[in-house]
Amino acid sequence: MEDRIRELERQLGRKTLEAEILKEALELLARAAHPLKDGSR
């Protein structure tokens, strides 16, 4: 049972990291698509 919990925690950590990377990528794409929205002008 402890091995299964450890494996699930490892998988959760990996999925959390993937979600953070995807969120950051989407933010970069949104900024690239709308460069004037960030108020830099």
C-alpha atoms as a PDB file:
ATOM      1  CA  MET A   1       0.000   0.000   0.000  1.00  0.00           C
ATOM      2  CA  GLU A   2       2.821   2.469   0.805  1.00  0.00           C
ATOM      3  CA  ASP A   3       4.450   1.750  -2.569  1.00  0.00           C
ATOM      4  CA  ARG A   4       1.179   2.557  -4.320  1.00  0.00           C
ATOM      5  CA  ILE A   5       0.838   5.835  -2.389  1.00  0.00           C
ATOM      6  CA  ARG A   6       4.430   6.775  -3.282  1.00  0.00           C
ATOM      7  CA  GLU A   7       3.781   6.036  -6.949  1.00  0.00           C
ATOM      8  CA  LEU A   8       0.584   8.100  -6.962  1.00  0.00           C
ATOM      9  CA  GLU A   9       2.378  10.997  -5.260  1.00  0.00           C
ATOM     10  CA  ARG A  10       5.109  10.813  -7.902  1.00  0.00           C
ATOM     11  CA  GLN A  11       2.532  10.847 -10.693  1.00  0.00           C
ATOM     12  CA  LEU A  12       0.697  13.752  -9.087  1.00  0.00           C
ATOM     13  CA  GLY A  13       3.934  15.723  -8.864  1.00  0.00           C
ATOM     14  CA  ARG A  14       4.659  15.108 -12.531  1.00  0.00           C
ATOM     15  CA  LYS A  15       1.151  16.136 -13.597  1.00  0.00           C
ATOM     16  CA  THR A  16       1.352  19.259 -11.444  1.00  0.00           C
ATOM     17  CA  LEU A  17       4.618  20.220 -13.138  1.00  0.00           C
ATOM     18  CA  GLU A  18       3.106  19.566 -16.567  1.00  0.00           C
ATOM     19  CA  ALA A  19       0.128  21.786 -15.735  1.00  0.00           C
ATOM     20  CA  GLU A  20       2.416  24.610 -14.584  1.00  0.00           C
ATOM     21  CA  ILE A  21       4.484  24.374 -17.775  1.00  0.00           C
ATOM     22  CA  LEU A  22       1.365  24.387 -19.955  1.00  0.00           C
ATOM     23  CA  LYS A  23      -0.077  27.361 -18.077  1.00  0.00           C
ATOM     24  CA  GLU A  24       3.152  29.298 -18.592  1.00  0.00           C
ATOM     25  CA  ALA A  25       3.215  28.386 -22.291  1.00  0.00           C
ATOM     26  CA  LEU A  26      -0.367  29.578 -22.734  1.00  0.00           C
ATOM     27  CA  GLU A  27       0.466  32.874 -21.033  1.00  0.00           C
ATOM     28  CA  LEU A  28       3.436  33.357 -23.361  1.00  0.00           C
ATOM     29  CA  LEU A  29       1.289  32.588 -26.401  1.00  0.00           C
ATOM     30  CA  ALA A  30      -1.401  34.995 -25.225  1.00  0.00           C
ATOM     31  CA  ARG A  31       1.182  37.755 -24.793  1.00  0.00           C
ATOM     32  CA  ALA A  32       2.646  37.022 -28.236  1.00  0.00           C
ATOM     33  CA  ALA A  33      -0.824  37.152 -29.813  1.00  0.00           C
ATOM     34  CA  HIS A  34      -1.694  40.426 -28.052  1.00  0.00           C
ATOM     35  CA  PRO A  35       1.604  42.257 -27.467  1.00  0.00           C
ATOM     36  CA  LEU A  36      -0.020  45.618 -26.638  1.00  0.00           C
ATOM     37  CA  LYS A  37      -2.249  44.248 -23.863  1.00  0.00           C
ATOM     38  CA  ASP A  38       0.562  44.234 -21.293  1.00  0.00           C
ATOM     39  CA  GLY A  39       0.576  48.041 -21.153  1.00  0.00           C
ATOM     40  CA  SER A  40       4.109  48.466 -22.452  1.00  0.00           C
ATOM     41  CA  ARG A  41       3.100  51.337 -24.720  1.00  0.00           C
END
